[in-house]
C-alpha cells in the first residue's frame, strides 16, 4: 500500500506479507479510511504494546510479545526509518511480517500495534492454521451458524459505511410570525342596540323643496340608499318625515 507525496506530507508505504492476519490489515485500513480520525498528533505505536506487557528482548531492539513470537522494531538508517513487525517461532520460519516506512502517519502504525496486542480470540478454519504455530496458541472449537458466516461481510460493510453517513442538517428554531392587526370592522346598518354592530354613518336622507312663487308648493324626493351592508333580516329605512 502506497501513499503519494502531497504538498505538506511525504510519501509512505506499508507492506503486509501473505500470511498477515486479516485483523491486522483491517486495523490499518480502517484507521486510514476513518473520517473521524484527527490529524496525526504524535501517537506512540509502542504504547499499546507496553500496556499489554511487551518487553525489549535481549540483544534486540523494539518490543517482543510475552510468548516471544511477535516482535516490533523501529529501525533507522541514513536513508530513513522503518517499522518492522515479525512473527516467528523459536528456531522456526517466519510466520508473517510487515514493513511500514517511518513517514507513515503514527496513528496508522498505532492502529496496527493495538490490534497486534489485542487478546480477543479470532475465528479461524482449523485446517488453515500453520502446523508449526499450533503448539503456541490456545484453540477452542465451537459451531457457528452458517447464516452468521454468510452475513459477516455484509455487517462489516454496513458498519464501515455508517461512518461516512452525513448527519441530518440542524433544523433552525421556529420563530413565530408577528401577528398582523386585523382591519377594523366595517360599519353595518342595524337596528339600535343590535349586538356586534356600530351605528350606521350613512342614515337614509330625504330631500325637501319648497317654492313660494308664483304659488306655494312643497315636494319631497325618495330617500337615498345606504351604501353599508345591511344587517341580516333587516333593511335600512328612512327616518320619519
Protein backbone atom coordinates (compact mmCIF):
# COMPACT_ATOMS: atom_id res chain seq x y z
CA UNK A 1 0.00 0.00 0.00
CA UNK A 2 1.49 3.31 -1.08
CA UNK A 3 0.51 6.88 -0.44
CA UNK A 4 1.84 9.54 -2.78
CA UNK A 5 3.51 12.63 -1.50
CA UNK A 6 1.41 15.80 -1.34
CA UNK A 7 2.02 19.44 -0.55
CA UNK A 8 2.63 19.04 3.19
CA UNK A 9 3.18 15.30 3.80
CA UNK A 10 5.83 12.89 2.49
CA UNK A 11 5.07 9.65 0.70
CA UNK A 12 4.76 6.47 2.74
CA UNK A 13 4.50 2.74 2.14
CA UNK A 14 3.02 -0.17 4.10
CA UNK A 15 3.71 -3.77 3.10
CA UNK A 16 1.99 -6.80 4.65
CA UNK A 17 3.07 -10.38 3.98
CA UNK A 18 0.77 -13.03 2.51
CA UNK A 19 0.06 -14.67 5.88
CA UNK A 20 -0.63 -11.43 7.76
CA UNK A 21 -3.85 -11.89 9.76
CA UNK A 22 -6.77 -10.07 8.21
CA UNK A 23 -7.45 -8.32 11.53
CA UNK A 24 -4.04 -6.60 11.33
CA UNK A 25 -4.60 -5.33 7.79
CA UNK A 26 -8.17 -4.28 8.60
CA UNK A 27 -6.95 -2.26 11.60
CA UNK A 28 -4.65 -0.31 9.27
CA UNK A 29 -7.19 0.30 6.51
CA UNK A 30 -10.00 1.14 8.94
CA UNK A 31 -7.84 3.81 10.57
CA UNK A 32 -6.83 5.09 7.13
CA UNK A 33 -10.42 5.50 5.93
CA UNK A 34 -11.97 6.65 9.20
CA UNK A 35 -13.31 10.20 8.57
CA UNK A 36 -13.35 10.96 12.29
CA UNK A 37 -9.64 10.25 12.77
CA UNK A 38 -7.91 13.51 13.77
CA UNK A 39 -4.72 14.75 12.22
CA UNK A 40 -1.58 12.97 13.39
CA UNK A 41 -0.76 14.21 16.88
CA UNK A 42 2.39 12.20 17.58
CA UNK A 43 0.80 8.91 18.70
CA UNK A 44 3.28 6.36 20.09
CA UNK A 45 2.99 2.98 18.31
CA UNK A 46 4.80 1.32 21.21
CA UNK A 47 2.19 2.44 23.78
CA UNK A 48 -0.39 -0.37 23.17
CA UNK A 49 2.40 -2.96 23.35
CA UNK A 50 3.74 -1.67 26.66
CA UNK A 51 0.21 -1.73 28.09
CA UNK A 52 0.00 -5.41 27.04
CA UNK A 53 3.27 -6.18 28.91
CA UNK A 54 5.50 -6.47 25.86
CA UNK A 55 9.16 -6.07 26.70
CA UNK A 56 12.51 -5.46 25.00
CA UNK A 57 14.20 -8.80 24.20
CA UNK A 58 17.88 -9.45 24.87
CA UNK A 59 20.28 -8.30 22.17
CA UNK A 60 17.43 -6.83 20.16
CA UNK A 61 15.60 -3.55 19.81
CA UNK A 62 11.91 -2.81 19.96
CA UNK A 63 9.35 -4.81 21.92
CA UNK A 64 8.53 -8.53 21.90
CA UNK A 65 5.32 -10.26 22.95
CA UNK A 66 5.36 -12.18 26.27
CA UNK A 67 5.46 -15.52 24.42
CA UNK A 68 8.34 -14.33 22.24
CA UNK A 69 6.53 -14.97 18.94
CA UNK A 70 5.92 -11.39 17.78
CA UNK A 71 8.48 -8.59 17.55
CA UNK A 72 8.02 -4.91 16.67
CA UNK A 73 11.09 -2.81 15.92
CA UNK A 74 11.62 0.79 14.85
CA UNK A 75 14.80 0.81 12.78
CA UNK A 76 16.66 3.85 11.49
CA UNK A 77 19.30 4.38 8.83
CA UNK A 78 20.79 7.13 6.71
CA UNK A 79 18.07 6.50 4.14
CA UNK A 80 15.21 6.86 6.62
CA UNK A 81 13.45 4.90 9.32
CA UNK A 82 11.31 1.79 9.13
CA UNK A 83 8.89 -0.10 11.37
CA UNK A 84 9.31 -3.90 11.20
CA UNK A 85 6.70 -6.34 12.52
CA UNK A 86 7.66 -10.01 12.51
CA UNK A 87 6.18 -13.18 13.94
CA UNK A 88 8.16 -16.39 14.17
CA UNK A 89 8.58 -19.38 16.47
CA UNK A 90 11.94 -20.14 18.03
CA UNK A 91 14.24 -21.97 15.63
CA UNK A 92 11.47 -21.89 13.04
CA UNK A 93 10.50 -20.00 9.91
CA UNK A 94 8.84 -16.61 9.89
CA UNK A 95 5.05 -16.88 10.04
CA UNK A 96 4.35 -13.40 8.66
CA UNK A 97 5.94 -9.98 8.59
CA UNK A 98 5.09 -6.39 7.71
CA UNK A 99 7.09 -3.25 6.90
CA UNK A 100 5.89 0.32 7.37
CA UNK A 101 8.00 3.33 6.47
CA UNK A 102 8.69 5.86 9.21
CA UNK A 103 6.89 8.58 7.25
CA UNK A 104 3.61 6.70 7.68
CA UNK A 105 1.23 8.63 9.97
CA UNK A 106 1.80 7.45 13.53
CA UNK A 107 -1.89 6.81 14.23
CA UNK A 108 -1.96 4.23 11.41
CA UNK A 109 1.02 2.35 12.85
CA UNK A 110 -0.53 2.58 16.30
CA UNK A 111 -3.74 1.00 14.96
CA UNK A 112 -1.65 -1.99 13.83
CA UNK A 113 0.20 -2.40 17.14
CA UNK A 114 -3.08 -2.05 19.07
CA UNK A 115 -4.60 -4.85 17.02
CA UNK A 116 -1.44 -6.91 17.44
CA UNK A 117 -1.64 -6.63 21.24
CA UNK A 118 -5.37 -7.42 21.37
CA UNK A 119 -6.01 -10.69 23.24
CA UNK A 120 -9.52 -11.21 21.85
CA UNK A 121 -9.81 -14.66 20.20
CA UNK A 122 -10.22 -14.70 16.42
CA UNK A 123 -12.20 -17.12 14.28
CA UNK A 124 -10.16 -19.42 12.07
CA UNK A 125 -10.66 -22.52 9.97
CA UNK A 126 -8.62 -25.17 11.85
CA UNK A 127 -7.32 -26.55 8.56
CA UNK A 128 -5.71 -23.18 7.72
CA UNK A 129 -3.65 -22.76 10.90
CA UNK A 130 0.09 -23.30 10.20
CA UNK A 131 1.23 -26.54 11.78
CA UNK A 132 4.42 -25.08 13.32
CA UNK A 133 2.31 -22.48 15.20
CA UNK A 134 -0.32 -24.79 16.68
CA UNK A 135 1.67 -25.56 19.83
CA UNK A 136 1.99 -21.81 20.58
CA UNK A 137 -1.71 -20.99 20.71
CA UNK A 138 -4.86 -21.93 22.55
CA UNK A 139 -7.51 -23.42 20.29
CA UNK A 140 -11.16 -23.98 21.12
CA UNK A 141 -13.81 -25.25 18.73
CA UNK A 142 -17.46 -24.26 18.59
CA UNK A 143 -20.15 -24.44 15.96
CA UNK A 144 -21.10 -21.23 14.19
CA UNK A 145 -24.42 -20.85 12.32
CA UNK A 146 -23.94 -20.65 8.57
CA UNK A 147 -26.09 -17.51 8.47
CA UNK A 148 -23.59 -15.70 10.72
CA UNK A 149 -20.75 -16.53 8.36
CA UNK A 150 -22.75 -15.60 5.28
CA UNK A 151 -23.68 -12.17 6.67
CA UNK A 152 -20.31 -11.33 8.25
CA UNK A 153 -19.06 -9.35 5.25
CA UNK A 154 -22.36 -7.51 4.87
CA UNK A 155 -22.32 -6.49 8.54
CA UNK A 156 -18.77 -5.20 8.24
CA UNK A 157 -19.57 -3.19 5.11
CA UNK A 158 -22.60 -1.67 6.83
CA UNK A 159 -20.51 -0.71 9.84
CA UNK A 160 -17.87 0.99 7.71
CA UNK A 161 -20.48 2.74 5.57
CA UNK A 162 -22.19 4.17 8.64
CA UNK A 163 -19.01 6.11 9.46
CA UNK A 164 -19.48 8.19 6.31
CA UNK A 165 -23.18 8.89 6.76
CA UNK A 166 -23.84 12.63 6.74
CA UNK A 167 -25.79 13.69 9.82
CA UNK A 168 -29.10 15.45 9.14
CA UNK A 169 -28.92 19.22 8.89
CA UNK A 170 -29.92 21.10 12.01
CA UNK A 171 -33.44 22.47 11.89
CA UNK A 172 -33.48 26.22 12.63
CA UNK A 173 -35.59 27.20 15.63
CA UNK A 174 -39.15 28.21 14.87
CA UNK A 175 -39.70 31.95 15.10
CA UNK A 176 -43.38 32.83 15.36
CA UNK A 177 -44.52 35.45 12.91
CA UNK A 178 -45.74 38.73 14.30
CA UNK A 179 -49.50 38.98 14.31
CA UNK A 180 -50.88 41.47 11.79
CA UNK A 181 -53.69 43.51 13.32
CA UNK A 182 -56.99 42.91 11.61
CA UNK A 183 -58.78 45.70 9.83
CA UNK A 184 -61.49 47.36 11.94
CA UNK A 185 -64.97 46.06 11.21
CA UNK A 186 -66.90 47.85 8.52
CA UNK A 187 -69.93 49.81 9.69
CA UNK A 188 -73.09 47.78 9.50
CA UNK A 189 -76.60 49.15 9.22
CA UNK A 190 -78.57 47.64 12.08
CA UNK A 191 -81.37 48.42 14.44
CA UNK A 192 -80.41 50.25 17.62
CA UNK A 193 -78.63 48.13 20.23
CA UNK A 194 -78.09 45.22 17.78
CA UNK A 195 -75.23 43.00 19.05
CA UNK A 196 -71.83 43.31 17.37
CA UNK A 197 -72.70 46.37 15.30
CA UNK A 198 -71.85 50.03 15.18
CA UNK A 199 -74.12 52.93 14.31
CA UNK A 200 -74.57 53.41 10.60
CA UNK A 201 -72.71 56.52 9.40
CA UNK A 202 -74.95 56.72 6.37
CA UNK A 203 -78.57 57.31 7.57
CA UNK A 204 -81.00 57.49 4.69
CA UNK A 205 -81.69 61.10 3.73
CA UNK A 206 -84.80 62.73 2.22
CA UNK A 207 -84.72 65.91 0.11
CA UNK A 208 -87.44 68.52 0.62
CA UNK A 209 -88.03 71.52 -1.69
CA UNK A 210 -90.40 74.47 -1.06
CA UNK A 211 -91.37 77.26 -3.50
CA UNK A 212 -93.43 80.39 -2.93
CA UNK A 213 -93.67 81.88 -6.44
CA UNK A 214 -95.86 82.03 -8.35
CA UNK A 215 -97.74 79.78 -5.92
CA UNK A 216 -96.76 77.92 -2.79
CA UNK A 217 -95.75 74.27 -3.36
CA UNK A 218 -93.93 71.54 -1.50
CA UNK A 219 -92.11 68.47 -2.89
CA UNK A 220 -90.13 65.58 -1.34
CA UNK A 221 -87.70 63.14 -3.02
CA UNK A 222 -87.19 59.45 -2.20
CA UNK A 223 -84.50 58.57 0.35
CA UNK A 224 -81.05 57.73 -0.99
CA UNK A 225 -79.95 54.11 -0.50
CA UNK A 226 -77.46 53.32 2.27
CA UNK A 227 -74.04 52.13 0.95
CA UNK A 228 -73.37 49.97 4.04
CA UNK A 229 -74.12 46.21 4.10
CA UNK A 230 -77.39 45.65 5.89
CA UNK A 231 -77.87 43.55 8.99
CA UNK A 232 -79.36 40.14 8.06
CA UNK A 233 -83.09 40.20 8.03
CA UNK A 234 -83.34 43.99 8.34
CA UNK A 235 -83.29 46.77 5.74
CA UNK A 236 -82.43 50.41 6.22
CA UNK A 237 -85.41 52.66 6.35
CA UNK A 238 -85.99 56.35 6.01
CA UNK A 239 -86.29 58.47 9.08
CA UNK A 240 -89.73 59.77 9.85
CA UNK A 241 -90.89 62.85 7.95
